[in-house]
């Protein structure tokens, strides 16, 4: 049963238009950049680096 679900989701993903994939990739890059810079600024390791 899991293989059938994987195939069904794969089919749905393949049938999406190119504009949808482009929007997904752009939002993914933006979110990853926000996550990276936010986590770098507010991480415990960064705070330790400032103290030392």
PDB file of N, CA and C in Angstrom:
ATOM      1  N   UNK A   1       0.802  -1.203   0.000  1.00  0.00           N
ATOM      2  CA  UNK A   1       0.000   0.000   0.000  1.00  0.00           C
ATOM      3  C   UNK A   1       0.853   1.278   0.000  1.00  0.00           C
ATOM      4  N   UNK A   2       1.952   1.338   0.750  1.00  0.00           N
ATOM      5  CA  UNK A   2       2.749   2.575   0.701  1.00  0.00           C
ATOM      6  C   UNK A   2       3.302   2.867  -0.697  1.00  0.00           C
ATOM      7  N   UNK A   3       3.652   1.836  -1.436  1.00  0.00           N
ATOM      8  CA  UNK A   3       4.198   2.059  -2.780  1.00  0.00           C
ATOM      9  C   UNK A   3       3.143   2.687  -3.681  1.00  0.00           C
ATOM     10  N   UNK A   4       1.898   2.258  -3.539  1.00  0.00           N
ATOM     11  CA  UNK A   4       0.817   2.831  -4.332  1.00  0.00           C
ATOM     12  C   UNK A   4       0.624   4.315  -3.992  1.00  0.00           C
ATOM     13  N   UNK A   5       0.729   4.651  -2.723  1.00  0.00           N
ATOM     14  CA  UNK A   5       0.600   6.052  -2.311  1.00  0.00           C
ATOM     15  C   UNK A   5       1.750   6.897  -2.855  1.00  0.00           C
ATOM     16  N   UNK A   6       2.958   6.345  -2.819  1.00  0.00           N
ATOM     17  CA  UNK A   6       4.117   7.059  -3.360  1.00  0.00           C
ATOM     18  C   UNK A   6       3.943   7.304  -4.853  1.00  0.00           C
ATOM     19  N   UNK A   7       3.487   6.313  -5.568  1.00  0.00           N
ATOM     20  CA  UNK A   7       3.266   6.458  -7.005  1.00  0.00           C
ATOM     21  C   UNK A   7       2.173   7.481  -7.298  1.00  0.00           C
ATOM     22  N   UNK A   8       1.100   7.472  -6.506  1.00  0.00           N
ATOM     23  CA  UNK A   8       0.011   8.428  -6.712  1.00  0.00           C
ATOM     24  C   UNK A   8       0.495   9.854  -6.464  1.00  0.00           C
ATOM     25  N   UNK A   9       1.266  10.056  -5.396  1.00  0.00           N
ATOM     26  CA  UNK A   9       1.798  11.399  -5.117  1.00  0.00           C
ATOM     27  C   UNK A   9       2.787  11.825  -6.199  1.00  0.00           C
ATOM     28  N   UNK A  10       3.602  10.897  -6.648  1.00  0.00           N
ATOM     29  CA  UNK A  10       4.539  11.199  -7.729  1.00  0.00           C
ATOM     30  C   UNK A  10       3.813  11.616  -8.997  1.00  0.00           C
ATOM     31  N   UNK A  11       2.729  10.923  -9.311  1.00  0.00           N
ATOM     32  CA  UNK A  11       1.939  11.281 -10.494  1.00  0.00           C
ATOM     33  C   UNK A  11       1.348  12.678 -10.350  1.00  0.00           C
ATOM     34  N   UNK A  12       0.823  12.990  -9.166  1.00  0.00           N
ATOM     35  CA  UNK A  12       0.257  14.319  -8.944  1.00  0.00           C
ATOM     36  C   UNK A  12       1.321  15.406  -9.051  1.00  0.00           C
ATOM     37  N   UNK A  13       2.511  15.121  -8.550  1.00  0.00           N
ATOM     38  CA  UNK A  13       3.593  16.101  -8.623  1.00  0.00           C
ATOM     39  C   UNK A  13       4.052  16.314 -10.056  1.00  0.00           C
ATOM     40  N   UNK A  14       4.149  15.259 -10.814  1.00  0.00           N
ATOM     41  CA  UNK A  14       4.581  15.364 -12.209  1.00  0.00           C
ATOM     42  C   UNK A  14       3.567  16.134 -13.044  1.00  0.00           C
ATOM     43  N   UNK A  15       2.295  16.018 -12.691  1.00  0.00           N
ATOM     44  CA  UNK A  15       1.257  16.673 -13.484  1.00  0.00           C
ATOM     45  C   UNK A  15       1.096  18.159 -13.158  1.00  0.00           C
ATOM     46  N   UNK A  16       1.841  18.674 -12.188  1.00  0.00           N
ATOM     47  CA  UNK A  16       1.762  20.102 -11.870  1.00  0.00           C
ATOM     48  C   UNK A  16       2.420  20.923 -12.983  1.00  0.00           C
ATOM     49  N   UNK A  17       1.881  22.106 -13.242  1.00  0.00           N
ATOM     50  CA  UNK A  17       2.494  22.956 -14.270  1.00  0.00           C
ATOM     51  C   UNK A  17       3.855  23.501 -13.821  1.00  0.00           C
ATOM     52  N   UNK A  18       4.645  23.927 -14.781  1.00  0.00           N
ATOM     53  CA  UNK A  18       5.979  24.438 -14.511  1.00  0.00           C
ATOM     54  C   UNK A  18       5.989  25.688 -13.647  1.00  0.00           C
ATOM     55  N   UNK A  19       4.960  26.536 -13.780  1.00  0.00           N
ATOM     56  CA  UNK A  19       4.888  27.745 -12.974  1.00  0.00           C
ATOM     57  C   UNK A  19       4.760  27.412 -11.489  1.00  0.00           C
ATOM     58  N   UNK A  20       4.061  26.344 -11.182  1.00  0.00           N
ATOM     59  CA  UNK A  20       3.908  25.922  -9.792  1.00  0.00           C
ATOM     60  C   UNK A  20       5.248  25.488  -9.221  1.00  0.00           C
ATOM     61  N   UNK A  21       6.013  24.739  -9.997  1.00  0.00           N
ATOM     62  CA  UNK A  21       7.332  24.299  -9.535  1.00  0.00           C
ATOM     63  C   UNK A  21       8.269  25.487  -9.368  1.00  0.00           C
ATOM     64  N   UNK A  22       8.202  26.445 -10.271  1.00  0.00           N
ATOM     65  CA  UNK A  22       9.039  27.635 -10.172  1.00  0.00           C
ATOM     66  C   UNK A  22       8.707  28.430  -8.912  1.00  0.00           C
ATOM     67  N   UNK A  23       7.426  28.622  -8.640  1.00  0.00           N
ATOM     68  CA  UNK A  23       7.012  29.323  -7.430  1.00  0.00           C
ATOM     69  C   UNK A  23       7.468  28.566  -6.190  1.00  0.00           C
ATOM     70  N   UNK A  24       7.360  27.249  -6.223  1.00  0.00           N
ATOM     71  CA  UNK A  24       7.801  26.428  -5.099  1.00  0.00           C
ATOM     72  C   UNK A  24       9.296  26.588  -4.845  1.00  0.00           C
ATOM     73  N   UNK A  25      10.083  26.556  -5.884  1.00  0.00           N
ATOM     74  CA  UNK A  25      11.540  26.675  -5.740  1.00  0.00           C
ATOM     75  C   UNK A  25      11.922  28.066  -5.222  1.00  0.00           C
ATOM     76  N   UNK A  26      11.278  29.101  -5.733  1.00  0.00           N
ATOM     77  CA  UNK A  26      11.576  30.465  -5.284  1.00  0.00           C
ATOM     78  C   UNK A  26      11.237  30.621  -3.805  1.00  0.00           C
ATOM     79  N   UNK A  27      10.046  30.165  -3.394  1.00  0.00           N
ATOM     80  CA  UNK A  27       9.666  30.263  -1.984  1.00  0.00           C
ATOM     81  C   UNK A  27      10.567  29.401  -1.108  1.00  0.00           C
ATOM     82  N   UNK A  28      10.981  28.258  -1.608  1.00  0.00           N
ATOM     83  CA  UNK A  28      11.874  27.392  -0.850  1.00  0.00           C
ATOM     84  C   UNK A  28      13.208  28.093  -0.590  1.00  0.00           C
ATOM     85  N   UNK A  29      13.756  28.735  -1.596  1.00  0.00           N
ATOM     86  CA  UNK A  29      15.027  29.445  -1.442  1.00  0.00           C
ATOM     87  C   UNK A  29      14.878  30.598  -0.457  1.00  0.00           C
ATOM     88  N   UNK A  30      13.795  31.362  -0.575  1.00  0.00           N
ATOM     89  CA  UNK A  30      13.572  32.486   0.338  1.00  0.00           C
ATOM     90  C   UNK A  30      13.450  31.985   1.769  1.00  0.00           C
ATOM     91  N   UNK A  31      12.669  30.945   1.976  1.00  0.00           N
ATOM     92  CA  UNK A  31      12.471  30.413   3.330  1.00  0.00           C
ATOM     93  C   UNK A  31      13.760  29.832   3.904  1.00  0.00           C
ATOM     94  N   UNK A  32      14.545  29.181   3.091  1.00  0.00           N
ATOM     95  CA  UNK A  32      15.810  28.642   3.580  1.00  0.00           C
ATOM     96  C   UNK A  32      16.774  29.749   3.981  1.00  0.00           C
ATOM     97  N   UNK A  33      16.800  30.829   3.216  1.00  0.00           N
ATOM     98  CA  UNK A  33      17.654  31.960   3.569  1.00  0.00           C
ATOM     99  C   UNK A  33      17.209  32.612   4.880  1.00  0.00           C
ATOM    100  N   UNK A  34      15.906  32.794   5.032  1.00  0.00           N
ATOM    101  CA  UNK A  34      15.385  33.364   6.274  1.00  0.00           C
ATOM    102  C   UNK A  34      15.720  32.451   7.444  1.00  0.00           C
ATOM    103  N   UNK A  35      15.502  31.168   7.279  1.00  0.00           N
ATOM    104  CA  UNK A  35      15.785  30.210   8.341  1.00  0.00           C
ATOM    105  C   UNK A  35      17.269  30.218   8.693  1.00  0.00           C
ATOM    106  N   UNK A  36      18.128  30.227   7.695  1.00  0.00           N
ATOM    107  CA  UNK A  36      19.565  30.197   7.934  1.00  0.00           C
ATOM    108  C   UNK A  36      20.030  31.433   8.675  1.00  0.00           C
ATOM    109  N   UNK A  37      19.655  32.621   8.196  1.00  0.00           N
ATOM    110  CA  UNK A  37      20.128  33.848   8.823  1.00  0.00           C
ATOM    111  C   UNK A  37      19.511  34.071  10.200  1.00  0.00           C
ATOM    112  N   UNK A  38      18.246  33.702  10.376  1.00  0.00           N
ATOM    113  CA  UNK A  38      17.614  33.830  11.684  1.00  0.00           C
ATOM    114  C   UNK A  38      18.271  32.885  12.687  1.00  0.00           C
ATOM    115  N   UNK A  39      18.467  31.639  12.292  1.00  0.00           N
ATOM    116  CA  UNK A  39      19.051  30.669  13.222  1.00  0.00           C
ATOM    117  C   UNK A  39      20.505  31.008  13.533  1.00  0.00           C
ATOM    118  N   UNK A  40      21.202  31.561  12.588  1.00  0.00           N
ATOM    119  CA  UNK A  40      22.595  31.941  12.833  1.00  0.00           C
ATOM    120  C   UNK A  40      22.666  33.085  13.835  1.00  0.00           C
ATOM    121  N   UNK A  41      21.772  34.013  13.730  1.00  0.00           N
ATOM    122  CA  UNK A  41      21.778  35.182  14.616  1.00  0.00           C
ATOM    123  C   UNK A  41      21.341  34.828  16.036  1.00  0.00           C
ATOM    124  N   UNK A  42      20.369  33.947  16.187  1.00  0.00           N
ATOM    125  CA  UNK A  42      19.792  33.662  17.497  1.00  0.00           C
ATOM    126  C   UNK A  42      20.180  32.303  18.061  1.00  0.00           C
ATOM    127  N   UNK A  43      21.223  31.699  17.548  1.00  0.00           N
ATOM    128  CA  UNK A  43      21.643  30.400  18.059  1.00  0.00           C
ATOM    129  C   UNK A  43      22.437  30.551  19.348  1.00  0.00           C
ATOM    130  N   UNK A  44      22.457  29.502  20.152  1.00  0.00           N
ATOM    131  CA  UNK A  44      23.229  29.520  21.396  1.00  0.00           C
ATOM    132  C   UNK A  44      24.728  29.584  21.117  1.00  0.00           C
ATOM    133  N   UNK A  45      25.180  28.963  20.056  1.00  0.00           N
ATOM    134  CA  UNK A  45      26.598  29.012  19.715  1.00  0.00           C
ATOM    135  C   UNK A  45      27.037  30.429  19.364  1.00  0.00           C
ATOM    136  N   UNK A  46      26.187  31.163  18.684  1.00  0.00           N
ATOM    137  CA  UNK A  46      26.506  32.542  18.338  1.00  0.00           C
ATOM    138  C   UNK A  46      26.606  33.399  19.596  1.00  0.00           C
ATOM    139  N   UNK A  47      25.695  33.166  20.546  1.00  0.00           N
ATOM    140  CA  UNK A  47      25.723  33.918  21.793  1.00  0.00           C
ATOM    141  C   UNK A  47      26.985  33.579  22.602  1.00  0.00           C
ATOM    142  N   UNK A  48      27.395  32.323  22.584  1.00  0.00           N
ATOM    143  CA  UNK A  48      28.622  31.945  23.258  1.00  0.00           C
ATOM    144  C   UNK A  48      29.834  32.592  22.621  1.00  0.00           C
ATOM    145  N   UNK A  49      29.812  32.700  21.319  1.00  0.00           N
ATOM    146  CA  UNK A  49      30.909  33.329  20.578  1.00  0.00           C
ATOM    147  C   UNK A  49      31.045  34.800  20.969  1.00  0.00           C
ATOM    148  N   UNK A  50      29.920  35.464  21.217  1.00  0.00           N
ATOM    149  CA  UNK A  50      29.978  36.876  21.604  1.00  0.00           C
ATOM    150  C   UNK A  50      30.526  37.061  23.020  1.00  0.00           C
ATOM    151  N   UNK A  51      30.283  36.097  23.888  1.00  0.00           N
ATOM    152  CA  UNK A  51      30.743  36.208  25.274  1.00  0.00           C
ATOM    153  C   UNK A  51      32.250  35.993  25.367  1.00  0.00           C
ATOM    154  N   UNK A  52      32.759  35.060  24.596  1.00  0.00           N
ATOM    155  CA  UNK A  52      34.184  34.691  24.678  1.00  0.00           C
ATOM    156  C   UNK A  52      35.057  35.713  24.073  1.00  0.00           C
TER     157      UNK A  52
END
